[in-house]
Amino acid sequence: MAETNLDEIDLEILRRLQSDGRVTNVELAQSVGLTAPPCLRRMRALEDQGVITAYHASVDPSKMGYTITVFAMVSLKSQAESDLQSFEEHVQSLPEVRECYMLNGEIDFMLKVVAKDLQQFQTFLTSKLTAAPNVASIKTSLTIRSAKNLPGVPIGGS
């Protein structure tokens, strides 16, 4: 997909929204040097172009009781497109899986999984993930801590 042609004001709007999605339109407009109506039009245009895809709150997993984060590397028995899609559809139905990436190479998928404790993760692993059709093997790594967790992408400039 081609990169969208954005000017400095668009980039500043994105930088600001990416760091604080709750900023009001008036505050956002002031920070980028616009009045509120054109700022709102630019935001809507960025949404219509698919540059801004969603707004959401960042929730602390531990405050919700999710003390375990695990990365699971999944290899499938078959890499036929229908089998890949079937696995992706299965993963969509698993709320514990927060992120899923198809990879090239030895591992087919990497999943980010959250659980309240090791017992809950083990139950998830054996009853929902290992039991999924076409799964050949799963390697897991339990996280110790997070050193960096930034939303979005780097946006050039300041």
Protein backbone atom coordinates (compact mmCIF):
# COMPACT_ATOMS: atom_id res chain seq x y z
CA MET A 1 0.00 0.00 0.00
CA ALA A 2 1.31 3.43 -0.95
CA GLU A 3 2.29 5.92 1.72
CA THR A 4 -0.25 8.70 2.16
CA ASN A 5 0.89 12.22 1.25
CA LEU A 6 0.73 14.14 4.53
CA ASP A 7 1.87 17.68 5.26
CA GLU A 8 3.51 18.92 8.48
CA ILE A 9 0.18 19.85 10.07
CA ASP A 10 -1.22 16.35 9.39
CA LEU A 11 1.92 14.83 10.91
CA GLU A 12 1.64 17.04 13.99
CA ILE A 13 -2.05 16.08 14.38
CA LEU A 14 -1.05 12.41 14.22
CA ARG A 15 1.84 12.87 16.67
CA ARG A 16 -0.44 14.59 19.16
CA LEU A 17 -3.32 12.10 18.81
CA GLN A 18 -0.97 9.14 19.02
CA SER A 19 0.40 10.41 22.33
CA ASP A 20 -2.97 11.58 23.70
CA GLY A 21 -6.11 10.32 21.98
CA ARG A 22 -8.29 12.20 24.46
CA VAL A 23 -7.06 15.66 23.51
CA THR A 24 -10.00 17.90 22.64
CA ASN A 25 -10.32 19.25 19.13
CA VAL A 26 -9.84 22.79 20.47
CA GLU A 27 -6.59 21.84 22.27
CA LEU A 28 -5.41 19.89 19.23
CA ALA A 29 -6.17 22.80 16.90
CA GLN A 30 -4.28 25.24 19.13
CA SER A 31 -1.25 22.94 19.34
CA VAL A 32 -1.01 22.61 15.54
CA GLY A 33 -1.74 26.26 14.73
CA LEU A 34 -5.27 25.91 13.35
CA THR A 35 -8.75 26.88 14.44
CA ALA A 36 -11.09 24.09 15.50
CA PRO A 37 -13.16 23.62 12.27
CA PRO A 38 -10.23 23.03 9.86
CA CYS A 39 -8.51 20.84 12.45
CA LEU A 40 -11.61 18.68 12.71
CA ARG A 41 -11.85 18.49 8.89
CA ARG A 42 -8.23 17.29 8.74
CA MET A 43 -8.89 14.67 11.44
CA ARG A 44 -11.94 13.41 9.53
CA ALA A 45 -9.91 13.29 6.30
CA LEU A 46 -7.18 11.25 8.06
CA GLU A 47 -9.90 8.87 9.29
CA ASP A 48 -11.50 8.64 5.82
CA GLN A 49 -8.09 7.87 4.27
CA GLY A 50 -7.58 5.08 6.80
CA VAL A 51 -4.52 6.75 8.35
CA ILE A 52 -6.33 6.96 11.69
CA THR A 53 -7.90 3.54 12.16
CA ALA A 54 -9.26 3.65 15.72
CA TYR A 55 -9.34 5.38 19.06
CA HIS A 56 -9.00 3.35 22.24
CA ALA A 57 -7.91 3.46 25.85
CA SER A 58 -4.64 1.83 26.84
CA VAL A 59 -5.50 -0.45 29.76
CA ASP A 60 -2.94 -1.68 32.31
CA PRO A 61 -3.27 -5.50 32.16
CA SER A 62 -2.16 -5.98 35.77
CA LYS A 63 -4.92 -3.65 37.03
CA MET A 64 -7.38 -5.97 35.30
CA GLY A 65 -5.81 -9.07 36.85
CA TYR A 66 -3.77 -10.16 33.81
CA THR A 67 -0.37 -10.78 35.36
CA ILE A 68 1.04 -13.05 32.65
CA THR A 69 2.04 -12.11 29.08
CA VAL A 70 3.34 -14.87 26.85
CA PHE A 71 4.60 -14.91 23.29
CA ALA A 72 3.64 -18.12 21.50
CA MET A 73 5.39 -19.15 18.29
CA VAL A 74 3.08 -21.46 16.35
CA SER A 75 4.07 -23.76 13.50
CA LEU A 76 1.34 -25.31 11.38
CA LYS A 77 1.34 -28.68 9.62
CA SER A 78 0.24 -27.04 6.37
CA GLN A 79 0.83 -23.59 4.98
CA ALA A 80 -1.90 -23.77 2.35
CA GLU A 81 -3.76 -20.47 2.24
CA SER A 82 -6.99 -22.08 3.42
CA ASP A 83 -5.19 -23.57 6.45
CA LEU A 84 -3.54 -20.24 7.27
CA GLN A 85 -6.89 -18.46 7.07
CA SER A 86 -8.55 -21.14 9.18
CA PHE A 87 -5.96 -20.65 11.92
CA GLU A 88 -6.36 -16.86 11.74
CA GLU A 89 -10.13 -17.24 12.10
CA HIS A 90 -9.64 -19.53 15.11
CA VAL A 91 -7.32 -16.98 16.74
CA GLN A 92 -9.94 -14.24 16.19
CA SER A 93 -12.26 -16.18 18.52
CA LEU A 94 -9.69 -16.29 21.37
CA PRO A 95 -9.90 -13.15 23.54
CA GLU A 96 -6.66 -14.10 25.35
CA VAL A 97 -4.77 -13.55 22.07
CA ARG A 98 -4.18 -9.82 21.86
CA GLU A 99 -1.92 -9.78 18.79
CA CYS A 100 -1.30 -12.24 15.98
CA TYR A 101 1.31 -11.95 13.24
CA MET A 102 1.97 -14.31 10.35
CA LEU A 103 5.73 -14.67 9.86
CA ASN A 104 7.98 -16.01 7.16
CA GLY A 105 10.50 -18.69 8.00
CA GLU A 106 10.34 -21.59 10.43
CA ILE A 107 7.54 -20.16 12.60
CA ASP A 108 4.16 -19.48 10.96
CA PHE A 109 2.55 -17.24 13.58
CA MET A 110 3.58 -15.25 16.63
CA LEU A 111 0.87 -14.57 19.19
CA LYS A 112 0.82 -12.25 22.17
CA VAL A 113 -1.31 -13.90 24.85
CA VAL A 114 -2.43 -12.56 28.22
CA ALA A 115 -3.61 -14.62 31.20
CA LYS A 116 -4.46 -13.99 34.82
CA ASP A 117 -1.92 -16.58 36.01
CA LEU A 118 0.16 -19.55 34.82
CA GLN A 119 -2.67 -22.02 35.46
CA GLN A 120 -5.04 -20.03 33.24
CA PHE A 121 -2.37 -19.81 30.53
CA GLN A 122 -1.72 -23.57 30.72
CA THR A 123 -5.44 -24.26 30.36
CA PHE A 124 -5.63 -21.87 27.39
CA LEU A 125 -2.58 -23.48 25.80
CA THR A 126 -3.78 -27.07 26.08
CA SER A 127 -7.49 -26.61 25.49
CA LYS A 128 -7.63 -23.80 22.93
CA LEU A 129 -4.29 -23.33 21.19
CA THR A 130 -2.64 -26.74 20.99
CA ALA A 131 -6.04 -28.26 20.17
CA ALA A 132 -6.56 -25.95 17.19
CA PRO A 133 -6.71 -27.71 13.82
CA ASN A 134 -3.46 -27.94 11.85
CA VAL A 135 -1.16 -26.93 14.76
CA ALA A 136 2.14 -28.82 14.52
CA SER A 137 4.04 -27.22 17.40
CA ILE A 138 4.03 -24.30 19.81
CA LYS A 139 7.00 -22.69 21.55
CA THR A 140 6.25 -20.22 24.30
CA SER A 141 8.22 -17.51 26.07
CA LEU A 142 6.94 -15.93 29.26
CA THR A 143 7.76 -12.23 29.53
CA ILE A 144 9.71 -11.00 32.55
CA ARG A 145 9.05 -7.29 32.05
CA SER A 146 8.37 -4.75 29.34
CA ALA A 147 11.15 -2.31 28.57
CA LYS A 148 9.24 -0.45 25.84
CA ASN A 149 5.64 -0.48 24.68
CA LEU A 150 4.70 2.41 22.41
CA PRO A 151 1.51 2.63 20.39
CA GLY A 152 1.47 3.42 16.69
CA VAL A 153 4.46 4.25 14.53
CA PRO A 154 7.32 6.76 14.64
CA ILE A 155 6.15 10.00 13.03
CA GLY A 156 8.90 12.19 11.56
CA GLY A 157 9.72 15.64 12.87
CA SER A 158 9.65 16.79 16.47
